[in-house]
C-alpha atoms as a PDB file:
ATOM      1  CA  MET A   1       0.084   0.104   0.071  1.00  0.00           C
ATOM      2  CA  SER A   2       1.506   3.450  -0.991  1.00  0.00           C
ATOM      3  CA  ALA A   3       1.708   6.186   1.807  1.00  0.00           C
ATOM      4  CA  PRO A   4      -0.779   8.420   2.017  1.00  0.00           C
ATOM      5  CA  ASP A   5      -0.299  11.769   0.087  1.00  0.00           C
ATOM      6  CA  GLU A   6       0.642  14.159   2.447  1.00  0.00           C
ATOM      7  CA  SER A   7      -1.300  17.192   0.026  1.00  0.00           C
ATOM      8  CA  SER A   8      -4.492  15.287   0.963  1.00  0.00           C
ATOM      9  CA  PHE A   9      -4.699  16.395   4.659  1.00  0.00           C
ATOM     10  CA  GLN A  10      -4.056  19.364   6.527  1.00  0.00           C
ATOM     11  CA  LEU A  11      -3.196  19.820  10.158  1.00  0.00           C
ATOM     12  CA  PHE A  12      -5.694  21.385  12.189  1.00  0.00           C
ATOM     13  CA  SER A  13      -6.644  22.689  15.726  1.00  0.00           C
ATOM     14  CA  ALA A  14      -9.998  23.901  17.324  1.00  0.00           C
ATOM     15  CA  VAL A  15      -9.875  26.825  19.295  1.00  0.00           C
ATOM     16  CA  ARG A  16     -12.013  28.618  21.343  1.00  0.00           C
ATOM     17  CA  TYR A  17     -12.882  32.288  20.698  1.00  0.00           C
ATOM     18  CA  ASP A  18     -15.079  34.009  23.986  1.00  0.00           C
ATOM     19  CA  ALA A  19     -14.520  37.642  25.081  1.00  0.00           C
ATOM     20  CA  THR A  20     -14.886  36.238  28.608  1.00  0.00           C
ATOM     21  CA  LEU A  21     -11.586  34.814  28.493  1.00  0.00           C
ATOM     22  CA  LEU A  22     -10.438  38.590  28.495  1.00  0.00           C
ATOM     23  CA  ASP A  23     -11.306  38.204  32.430  1.00  0.00           C
ATOM     24  CA  ALA A  24      -9.010  35.829  33.164  1.00  0.00           C
ATOM     25  CA  ALA A  25      -6.102  37.871  33.199  1.00  0.00           C
ATOM     26  CA  LYS A  26      -7.815  40.395  35.578  1.00  0.00           C
ATOM     27  CA  ASP A  27      -8.818  37.266  38.259  1.00  0.00           C
ATOM     28  CA  GLU A  28      -6.461  36.473  40.827  1.00  0.00           C
ATOM     29  CA  ALA A  29      -8.192  33.285  41.374  1.00  0.00           C
ATOM     30  CA  LEU A  30      -7.505  32.184  37.889  1.00  0.00           C
ATOM     31  CA  ALA A  31      -3.744  32.846  38.124  1.00  0.00           C
ATOM     32  CA  HIS A  32      -3.298  29.259  37.520  1.00  0.00           C
ATOM     33  CA  ALA A  33      -4.604  29.716  33.972  1.00  0.00           C
ATOM     34  CA  GLY A  34      -1.260  30.071  32.611  1.00  0.00           C
ATOM     35  CA  TRP A  35      -1.209  31.972  29.273  1.00  0.00           C
ATOM     36  CA  ASN A  36      -4.424  33.331  29.426  1.00  0.00           C
ATOM     37  CA  ALA A  37      -3.878  34.595  32.791  1.00  0.00           C
ATOM     38  CA  THR A  38      -0.589  36.461  31.429  1.00  0.00           C
ATOM     39  CA  HIS A  39      -2.073  37.615  28.260  1.00  0.00           C
ATOM     40  CA  ALA A  40      -5.277  39.647  27.497  1.00  0.00           C
ATOM     41  CA  SER A  41      -6.491  37.379  24.496  1.00  0.00           C
ATOM     42  CA  PRO A  42      -9.744  35.993  23.705  1.00  0.00           C
ATOM     43  CA  TYR A  43      -8.414  32.871  22.379  1.00  0.00           C
ATOM     44  CA  TYR A  44      -8.379  29.753  24.994  1.00  0.00           C
ATOM     45  CA  MET A  45      -4.781  28.482  25.393  1.00  0.00           C
ATOM     46  CA  LEU A  46      -3.865  29.778  21.820  1.00  0.00           C
ATOM     47  CA  ASP A  47      -0.102  29.215  22.694  1.00  0.00           C
ATOM     48  CA  PHE A  48      -0.632  25.445  23.409  1.00  0.00           C
ATOM     49  CA  HIS A  49      -2.768  24.929  20.362  1.00  0.00           C
ATOM     50  CA  ARG A  50       0.510  26.643  18.098  1.00  0.00           C
ATOM     51  CA  ASP A  51       2.562  24.461  19.689  1.00  0.00           C
ATOM     52  CA  ARG A  52       0.633  21.260  18.728  1.00  0.00           C
ATOM     53  CA  LEU A  53       0.720  22.753  15.227  1.00  0.00           C
ATOM     54  CA  LEU A  54       4.105  23.372  15.291  1.00  0.00           C
ATOM     55  CA  ARG A  55       5.004  19.703  16.470  1.00  0.00           C
ATOM     56  CA  ALA A  56       3.088  18.027  13.587  1.00  0.00           C
ATOM     57  CA  ALA A  57       4.504  19.875  11.174  1.00  0.00           C
ATOM     58  CA  THR A  58       7.862  19.207  12.500  1.00  0.00           C
ATOM     59  CA  HIS A  59       6.923  15.228  12.783  1.00  0.00           C
ATOM     60  CA  TRP A  60       6.040  15.603   8.866  1.00  0.00           C
ATOM     61  CA  GLY A  61       8.981  17.621   8.017  1.00  0.00           C
ATOM     62  CA  TRP A  62       6.814  20.643   6.646  1.00  0.00           C
ATOM     63  CA  GLU A  63       9.364  23.309   6.557  1.00  0.00           C
ATOM     64  CA  GLN A  64       7.165  25.886   5.287  1.00  0.00           C
ATOM     65  CA  ALA A  65       4.431  24.975   7.817  1.00  0.00           C
ATOM     66  CA  VAL A  66       6.861  24.953  10.485  1.00  0.00           C
ATOM     67  CA  ALA A  67       8.175  28.503   9.461  1.00  0.00           C
ATOM     68  CA  ALA A  68       4.474  29.662   9.396  1.00  0.00           C
ATOM     69  CA  VAL A  69       3.641  28.851  13.284  1.00  0.00           C
ATOM     70  CA  ALA A  70       7.260  29.075  14.410  1.00  0.00           C
ATOM     71  CA  GLY A  71       8.655  31.574  17.461  1.00  0.00           C
ATOM     72  CA  ASP A  72       6.891  34.765  18.474  1.00  0.00           C
ATOM     73  CA  ALA A  73       6.279  35.743  15.071  1.00  0.00           C
ATOM     74  CA  GLY A  74       4.376  32.592  14.281  1.00  0.00           C
ATOM     75  CA  LEU A  75       1.858  33.321  17.402  1.00  0.00           C
ATOM     76  CA  VAL A  76       1.447  36.989  16.123  1.00  0.00           C
ATOM     77  CA  ARG A  77       0.371  35.392  12.458  1.00  0.00           C
ATOM     78  CA  LEU A  78      -1.757  32.602  13.939  1.00  0.00           C
ATOM     79  CA  THR A  79      -3.431  35.522  16.240  1.00  0.00           C
ATOM     80  CA  GLU A  80      -4.160  37.744  12.817  1.00  0.00           C
ATOM     81  CA  VAL A  81      -5.537  34.805  11.136  1.00  0.00           C
ATOM     82  CA  LEU A  82      -8.119  34.233  14.019  1.00  0.00           C
ATOM     83  CA  ASP A  83      -8.735  38.022  14.329  1.00  0.00           C
ATOM     84  CA  ARG A  84      -9.585  38.363  10.909  1.00  0.00           C
ATOM     85  CA  ALA A  85     -11.681  35.427  10.972  1.00  0.00           C
ATOM     86  CA  VAL A  86     -13.770  36.633  14.133  1.00  0.00           C
ATOM     87  CA  VAL A  87     -13.961  40.232  13.214  1.00  0.00           C
ATOM     88  CA  ASP A  88     -17.708  39.781  12.844  1.00  0.00           C
ATOM     89  CA  GLN A  89     -18.752  37.494  15.448  1.00  0.00           C
ATOM     90  CA  GLY A  90     -19.213  39.716  18.339  1.00  0.00           C
ATOM     91  CA  SER A  91     -18.179  38.349  21.677  1.00  0.00           C
ATOM     92  CA  GLY A  92     -18.732  34.628  20.797  1.00  0.00           C
ATOM     93  CA  PRO A  93     -18.501  32.117  21.967  1.00  0.00           C
ATOM     94  CA  ASN A  94     -17.075  30.291  18.705  1.00  0.00           C
ATOM     95  CA  ARG A  95     -15.159  27.369  17.826  1.00  0.00           C
ATOM     96  CA  CYS A  96     -12.138  28.531  15.354  1.00  0.00           C
ATOM     97  CA  ARG A  97     -11.100  25.498  13.137  1.00  0.00           C
ATOM     98  CA  ILE A  98      -7.556  26.742  12.372  1.00  0.00           C
ATOM     99  CA  THR A  99      -6.032  24.854   9.488  1.00  0.00           C
ATOM    100  CA  LEU A 100      -2.302  24.571   8.502  1.00  0.00           C
ATOM    101  CA  SER A 101      -1.271  22.875   4.888  1.00  0.00           C
ATOM    102  CA  LYS A 102       2.179  21.779   4.050  1.00  0.00           C
ATOM    103  CA  ASP A 103       3.055  24.871   1.873  1.00  0.00           C
ATOM    104  CA  GLY A 104       2.298  26.990   5.384  1.00  0.00           C
ATOM    105  CA  GLN A 105      -0.881  28.600   4.512  1.00  0.00           C
ATOM    106  CA  LEU A 106      -3.190  29.274   7.536  1.00  0.00           C
ATOM    107  CA  GLY A 107      -7.324  29.050   7.254  1.00  0.00           C
ATOM    108  CA  CYS A 108      -9.911  29.657   9.646  1.00  0.00           C
ATOM    109  CA  ASP A 109     -13.478  28.571   9.723  1.00  0.00           C
ATOM    110  CA  VAL A 110     -15.784  29.854  12.702  1.00  0.00           C
ATOM    111  CA  SER A 111     -18.921  28.540  14.113  1.00  0.00           C
ATOM    112  CA  GLU A 112     -20.951  28.933  17.053  1.00  0.00           C
ATOM    113  CA  ALA A 113     -19.656  27.077  20.522  1.00  0.00           C
ATOM    114  CA  THR A 114     -21.632  26.278  23.601  1.00  0.00           C
ATOM    115  CA  SER A 115     -21.211  28.951  26.354  1.00  0.00           C
ATOM    116  CA  THR A 116     -18.681  27.614  29.203  1.00  0.00           C
ATOM    117  CA  ALA A 117     -18.085  29.404  32.463  1.00  0.00           C
ATOM    118  CA  LEU A 118     -14.638  30.254  33.209  1.00  0.00           C
ATOM    119  CA  PRO A 119     -14.041  27.461  36.074  1.00  0.00           C
ATOM    120  CA  GLY A 120     -15.025  25.199  33.239  1.00  0.00           C
ATOM    121  CA  LEU A 121     -12.019  26.229  31.300  1.00  0.00           C
ATOM    122  CA  PHE A 122      -9.534  26.798  33.762  1.00  0.00           C
ATOM    123  CA  PRO A 123     -10.682  24.426  36.647  1.00  0.00           C
ATOM    124  CA  PRO A 124      -8.408  24.510  39.779  1.00  0.00           C
ATOM    125  CA  LYS A 125      -8.754  20.844  40.320  1.00  0.00           C
ATOM    126  CA  LEU A 126     -10.783  18.217  39.011  1.00  0.00           C
ATOM    127  CA  PRO A 127     -13.325  17.195  42.089  1.00  0.00           C
ATOM    128  CA  ALA A 128     -13.336  13.480  43.278  1.00  0.00           C
ATOM    129  CA  PRO A 129     -16.158  11.506  42.501  1.00  0.00           C
ATOM    130  CA  GLY A 130     -19.093  12.309  44.525  1.00  0.00           C
ATOM    131  CA  PHE A 131     -18.745  15.829  44.603  1.00  0.00           C
ATOM    132  CA  MET A 132     -20.236  17.195  40.882  1.00  0.00           C
ATOM    133  CA  THR A 133     -23.661  15.234  41.780  1.00  0.00           C
ATOM    134  CA  SER A 134     -23.939  16.261  45.347  1.00  0.00           C
ATOM    135  CA  ASP A 135     -25.927  18.777  46.869  1.00  0.00           C
ATOM    136  CA  PRO A 136     -24.442  22.323  47.103  1.00  0.00           C
ATOM    137  CA  ASN A 137     -25.806  22.671  50.360  1.00  0.00           C
ATOM    138  CA  SER A 138     -24.552  19.592  52.101  1.00  0.00           C
ATOM    139  CA  SER A 139     -21.442  18.464  53.550  1.00  0.00           C
ATOM    140  CA  THR A 140     -18.611  17.277  51.245  1.00  0.00           C
ATOM    141  CA  SER A 141     -15.660  15.349  51.297  1.00  0.00           C
ATOM    142  CA  GLU A 142     -13.582  17.882  49.198  1.00  0.00           C
ATOM    143  CA  GLU A 143     -11.207  19.655  51.630  1.00  0.00           C
ATOM    144  CA  GLU A 144     -12.132  23.130  50.398  1.00  0.00           C
ATOM    145  CA  VAL A 145     -15.087  24.267  48.553  1.00  0.00           C
ATOM    146  CA  THR A 146     -13.695  27.485  46.748  1.00  0.00           C
ATOM    147  CA  PRO A 147     -16.041  29.621  44.983  1.00  0.00           C
ATOM    148  CA  LEU A 148     -14.468  28.344  41.601  1.00  0.00           C
ATOM    149  CA  LEU A 149     -15.092  24.824  42.451  1.00  0.00           C
ATOM    150  CA  GLN A 150     -18.705  25.671  43.577  1.00  0.00           C
ATOM    151  CA  ALA A 151     -19.309  27.242  40.262  1.00  0.00           C
ATOM    152  CA  LEU A 152     -17.959  24.301  38.493  1.00  0.00           C
ATOM    153  CA  ARG A 153     -20.570  21.928  40.007  1.00  0.00           C
ATOM    154  CA  THR A 154     -23.040  24.235  39.428  1.00  0.00           C
ATOM    155  CA  ALA A 155     -22.394  24.679  35.854  1.00  0.00           C
ATOM    156  CA  ALA A 156     -21.567  21.185  34.741  1.00  0.00           C
ATOM    157  CA  GLY A 157     -22.949  18.803  37.732  1.00  0.00           C
ATOM    158  CA  GLN A 158     -26.615  18.933  36.692  1.00  0.00           C
ATOM    159  CA  THR A 159     -26.047  18.166  32.874  1.00  0.00           C
ATOM    160  CA  PRO A 160     -23.314  15.300  33.077  1.00  0.00           C
ATOM    161  CA  TYR A 161     -22.157  14.004  29.466  1.00  0.00           C
ATOM    162  CA  GLU A 162     -23.225  10.547  28.610  1.00  0.00           C
ATOM    163  CA  VAL A 163     -20.125   8.608  28.207  1.00  0.00           C
ATOM    164  CA  THR A 164     -20.396   5.342  26.187  1.00  0.00           C
ATOM    165  CA  LEU A 165     -17.667   2.851  24.957  1.00  0.00           C
ATOM    166  CA  ASP A 166     -17.024   2.318  20.784  1.00  0.00           C
ATOM    167  CA  VAL A 167     -18.523  -1.224  20.115  1.00  0.00           C
ATOM    168  CA  ASP A 168     -15.552  -1.520  17.568  1.00  0.00           C
ATOM    169  CA  THR A 169     -12.020  -1.165  17.988  1.00  0.00           C
ATOM    170  CA  SER A 170      -9.537   1.552  16.352  1.00  0.00           C
ATOM    171  CA  LEU A 171      -5.813   1.156  14.846  1.00  0.00           C
ATOM    172  CA  SER A 172      -3.489   3.853  16.418  1.00  0.00           C
ATOM    173  CA  SER A 173      -1.471   5.751  14.003  1.00  0.00           C
ATOM    174  CA  GLN A 174       0.179   9.361  13.622  1.00  0.00           C
ATOM    175  CA  TYR A 175      -3.465  10.591  12.511  1.00  0.00           C
ATOM    176  CA  THR A 176      -4.538   9.739  15.959  1.00  0.00           C
ATOM    177  CA  HIS A 177      -1.396  11.092  17.818  1.00  0.00           C
ATOM    178  CA  PHE A 178      -1.451  14.410  15.842  1.00  0.00           C
ATOM    179  CA  LYS A 179      -4.855  16.491  15.061  1.00  0.00           C
ATOM    180  CA  THR A 180      -5.645  16.368  11.188  1.00  0.00           C
ATOM    181  CA  THR A 181      -8.204  16.697   8.448  1.00  0.00           C
ATOM    182  CA  ARG A 182      -8.240  13.084   8.581  1.00  0.00           C
ATOM    183  CA  ARG A 183     -11.451  12.624  10.595  1.00  0.00           C
ATOM    184  CA  GLN A 184     -12.474   9.583   9.205  1.00  0.00           C
ATOM    185  CA  LEU A 185     -11.843   6.897  12.145  1.00  0.00           C
ATOM    186  CA  TYR A 186     -13.460   9.665  14.448  1.00  0.00           C
ATOM    187  CA  ASP A 187     -16.376  10.119  12.611  1.00  0.00           C
ATOM    188  CA  ALA A 188     -16.908   6.478  12.203  1.00  0.00           C
ATOM    189  CA  ALA A 189     -17.113   5.673  16.138  1.00  0.00           C
ATOM    190  CA  ARG A 190     -19.438   8.785  16.705  1.00  0.00           C
ATOM    191  CA  LYS A 191     -21.667   7.182  13.808  1.00  0.00           C
ATOM    192  CA  ARG A 192     -21.598   3.887  15.701  1.00  0.00           C
ATOM    193  CA  ALA A 193     -22.516   5.677  18.878  1.00  0.00           C
ATOM    194  CA  GLY A 194     -25.660   7.465  17.364  1.00  0.00           C
ATOM    195  CA  ILE A 195     -23.875  10.895  17.690  1.00  0.00           C
ATOM    196  CA  THR A 196     -25.035  12.924  15.087  1.00  0.00           C
ATOM    197  CA  GLY A 197     -24.645  16.399  16.481  1.00  0.00           C
ATOM    198  CA  PRO A 198     -23.465  18.907  19.561  1.00  0.00           C
ATOM    199  CA  GLU A 199     -25.299  17.112  22.106  1.00  0.00           C
ATOM    200  CA  LEU A 200     -23.955  16.125  25.357  1.00  0.00           C
ATOM    201  CA  LYS A 201     -22.728  12.634  24.828  1.00  0.00           C
ATOM    202  CA  GLU A 202     -19.277  11.246  23.591  1.00  0.00           C
ATOM    203  CA  VAL A 203     -17.667   7.751  23.007  1.00  0.00           C
ATOM    204  CA  LEU A 204     -14.565   6.451  24.020  1.00  0.00           C
ATOM    205  CA  LEU A 205     -12.184   5.015  21.287  1.00  0.00           C
ATOM    206  CA  VAL A 206     -10.444   1.619  22.113  1.00  0.00           C
ATOM    207  CA  ASN A 207      -7.115   0.646  20.962  1.00  0.00           C
ATOM    208  CA  SER A 208      -7.652  -2.420  18.697  1.00  0.00           C
ATOM    209  CA  SER A 209      -3.893  -3.635  19.494  1.00  0.00           C
ATOM    210  CA  SER A 210      -3.809  -3.434  23.438  1.00  0.00           C
ATOM    211  CA  GLY A 211      -7.307  -2.938  24.574  1.00  0.00           C
ATOM    212  CA  VAL A 212      -6.918   0.439  26.227  1.00  0.00           C
ATOM    213  CA  ILE A 213      -8.833   3.473  26.164  1.00  0.00           C
ATOM    214  CA  MET A 214      -7.047   5.713  23.339  1.00  0.00           C
ATOM    215  CA  ASP A 215      -9.346   9.144  23.726  1.00  0.00           C
ATOM    216  CA  GLY A 216     -12.708  10.316  23.259  1.00  0.00           C
ATOM    217  CA  SER A 217     -14.109  11.134  19.581  1.00  0.00           C
ATOM    218  CA  ILE A 218     -13.655  14.791  20.515  1.00  0.00           C
ATOM    219  CA  SER A 219     -12.076  14.704  23.688  1.00  0.00           C
ATOM    220  CA  THR A 220      -9.387  13.616  26.064  1.00  0.00           C
ATOM    221  CA  VAL A 221     -10.913  11.586  28.860  1.00  0.00           C
ATOM    222  CA  TYR A 222      -9.885  11.534  32.724  1.00  0.00           C
ATOM    223  CA  PHE A 223     -10.932   8.601  34.786  1.00  0.00           C
ATOM    224  CA  TRP A 224     -10.556   7.851  38.711  1.00  0.00           C
ATOM    225  CA  ARG A 225      -8.450   5.208  39.850  1.00  0.00           C
ATOM    226  CA  ASN A 226      -6.233   4.586  42.809  1.00  0.00           C
ATOM    227  CA  GLY A 227      -7.440   7.896  44.306  1.00  0.00           C
ATOM    228  CA  ARG A 228      -6.380  10.400  41.574  1.00  0.00           C
ATOM    229  CA  TRP A 229      -7.342  11.217  37.904  1.00  0.00           C
ATOM    230  CA  VAL A 230      -5.487   9.371  35.243  1.00  0.00           C
ATOM    231  CA  THR A 231      -5.338  10.105  31.226  1.00  0.00           C
ATOM    232  CA  PRO A 232      -4.222   7.762  28.951  1.00  0.00           C
ATOM    233  CA  PRO A 233      -0.512   8.273  28.093  1.00  0.00           C
ATOM    234  CA  VAL A 234       0.798   9.974  24.933  1.00  0.00           C
ATOM    235  CA  PRO A 235       4.546  10.085  24.204  1.00  0.00           C
ATOM    236  CA  PRO A 236       6.243  13.318  23.470  1.00  0.00           C
ATOM    237  CA  LYS A 237       7.278  12.254  20.306  1.00  0.00           C
ATOM    238  CA  TYR A 238       5.012   9.674  18.133  1.00  0.00           C
ATOM    239  CA  GLY A 239       5.971   6.366  18.208  1.00  0.00           C
ATOM    240  CA  LYS A 240       3.835   3.317  16.986  1.00  0.00           C
ATOM    241  CA  GLU A 241       4.116   1.442  20.098  1.00  0.00           C
ATOM    242  CA  SER A 242       4.363   3.698  22.535  1.00  0.00           C
ATOM    243  CA  GLY A 243       1.693   5.371  24.638  1.00  0.00           C
ATOM    244  CA  SER A 244      -2.104   4.727  24.365  1.00  0.00           C
ATOM    245  CA  GLY A 245      -2.473   5.718  20.732  1.00  0.00           C
ATOM    246  CA  GLY A 246      -4.236   8.745  21.486  1.00  0.00           C
ATOM    247  CA  LEU A 247      -4.217  12.622  20.762  1.00  0.00           C
ATOM    248  CA  ASP A 248      -1.445  15.201  21.783  1.00  0.00           C
ATOM    249  CA  GLY A 249      -4.408  17.315  23.213  1.00  0.00           C
ATOM    250  CA  THR A 250      -4.104  20.932  24.412  1.00  0.00           C
ATOM    251  CA  THR A 251      -6.214  20.712  27.557  1.00  0.00           C
ATOM    252  CA  ARG A 252      -4.708  17.470  28.448  1.00  0.00           C
ATOM    253  CA  ARG A 253      -1.422  19.168  28.569  1.00  0.00           C
ATOM    254  CA  TRP A 254      -2.561  21.928  30.617  1.00  0.00           C
ATOM    255  CA  ALA A 255      -3.985  19.293  33.060  1.00  0.00           C
ATOM    256  CA  LEU A 256      -0.944  17.654  33.309  1.00  0.00           C
ATOM    257  CA  GLU A 257       1.340  20.526  33.701  1.00  0.00           C
ATOM    258  CA  ARG A 258      -0.834  21.336  36.776  1.00  0.00           C
ATOM    259  CA  LYS A 259      -1.017  18.221  38.157  1.00  0.00           C
ATOM    260  CA  LEU A 260      -4.838  18.058  37.853  1.00  0.00           C
ATOM    261  CA  ALA A 261      -4.068  14.368  36.430  1.00  0.00           C
ATOM    262  CA  VAL A 262      -1.300  11.627  35.703  1.00  0.00           C
ATOM    263  CA  GLU A 263      -0.900   9.464  32.587  1.00  0.00           C
ATOM    264  CA  GLU A 264      -1.749   5.842  33.261  1.00  0.00           C
ATOM    265  CA  GLU A 265      -3.398   3.140  30.867  1.00  0.00           C
ATOM    266  CA  ILE A 266      -7.186   2.613  31.161  1.00  0.00           C
ATOM    267  CA  ARG A 267      -8.295  -0.705  30.003  1.00  0.00           C
ATOM    268  CA  ALA A 268     -11.763  -0.765  28.283  1.00  0.00           C
ATOM    269  CA  ASP A 269     -12.490  -3.480  30.395  1.00  0.00           C
ATOM    270  CA  SER A 270     -11.891  -1.924  33.692  1.00  0.00           C
ATOM    271  CA  LEU A 271     -14.805   0.570  33.122  1.00  0.00           C
ATOM    272  CA  GLN A 272     -17.977   0.789  35.194  1.00  0.00           C
ATOM    273  CA  HIS A 273     -21.206   1.605  34.448  1.00  0.00           C
ATOM    274  CA  GLY A 274     -22.332   4.696  36.271  1.00  0.00           C
ATOM    275  CA  GLU A 275     -18.771   5.622  36.864  1.00  0.00           C
ATOM    276  CA  GLU A 276     -17.943   9.481  36.545  1.00  0.00           C
ATOM    277  CA  CYS A 277     -15.518  10.693  34.408  1.00  0.00           C
ATOM    278  CA  TRP A 278     -13.841  14.304  33.161  1.00  0.00           C
ATOM    279  CA  MET A 279     -13.162  14.961  29.434  1.00  0.00           C
ATOM    280  CA  SER A 280     -11.817  18.163  27.924  1.00  0.00           C
ATOM    281  CA  ASN A 281     -10.978  19.858  24.475  1.00  0.00           C
ATOM    282  CA  GLY A 282      -9.747  23.337  23.360  1.00  0.00           C
ATOM    283  CA  VAL A 283     -13.232  24.499  22.520  1.00  0.00           C
ATOM    284  CA  ARG A 284     -15.579  23.182  25.307  1.00  0.00           C
ATOM    285  CA  GLY A 285     -13.057  23.220  28.314  1.00  0.00           C
ATOM    286  CA  TYR A 286     -13.513  20.725  30.981  1.00  0.00           C
ATOM    287  CA  VAL A 287     -17.038  18.848  31.353  1.00  0.00           C
ATOM    288  CA  PHE A 288     -18.012  16.103  33.548  1.00  0.00           C
ATOM    289  CA  GLY A 289     -19.355  12.859  32.283  1.00  0.00           C
ATOM    290  CA  ILE A 290     -20.891   9.564  33.564  1.00  0.00           C
ATOM    291  CA  VAL A 291     -20.269   6.071  31.694  1.00  0.00           C
ATOM    292  CA  ASN A 292     -23.127   4.416  30.324  1.00  0.00           C
ATOM    293  CA  LEU A 293     -22.168   0.579  29.306  1.00  0.00           C
ATOM    294  CA  GLN A 294     -25.979  -0.313  29.127  1.00  0.00           C
END
């Protein structure tokens, strides 16, 4: 079988545009937000999105694409592309689908996104199971219920995502490690799960070689194991036999750097019906879910 034509796909990253993100740089309670706390930007974790595009372009040896997004100039160029795309979009929120081609061309398509409160974009922690579904007026096992955690529970605890397991398995590859426009594997998993739109549902992909969870179809996933949240391991550089085969995610990187979770393999057969989980991506932030295996 011949190698895929490099001109037949692009790199992409979905970025949240939301004017409320400008408040992150003004709120001391959100100092842990990182880049968005030090830059008055309406783009969610834009530095991490740029870094991911750069790593993917480097992996494929796309020199013009690397030059387009590398360094401070590359981040400025990416911001300018986004600014032109959202100029008529008001305050958002919007999903900005940034694409990067082999020849270094950047593009952006914009669509509506769901509202998410800042605690859902920059949670100070991922609360242990039981907290999100508990009565806000009752006692809790959390050592300290901060205003941010309270807001997170109010915003996400009453409307959990339904999380199902794909009935088929998926083959890991460089196209599951890096985010590209080759989305057939993910589209097929969503179709099998009956997910047709932006409803509060997610399906988990299972690695056909190892039986471990790779990812959600549009999100990084986190499960409670041995007293902490864990997420499938992804190596710094792509390796066919290393990691769980999932995506080099932006919100995943943010959560790991702030020790909200650690890397650990999650076997698909270890999931329990009704167990709680978290998911995250670069548009919706961090959302709460409950596994449905029935």
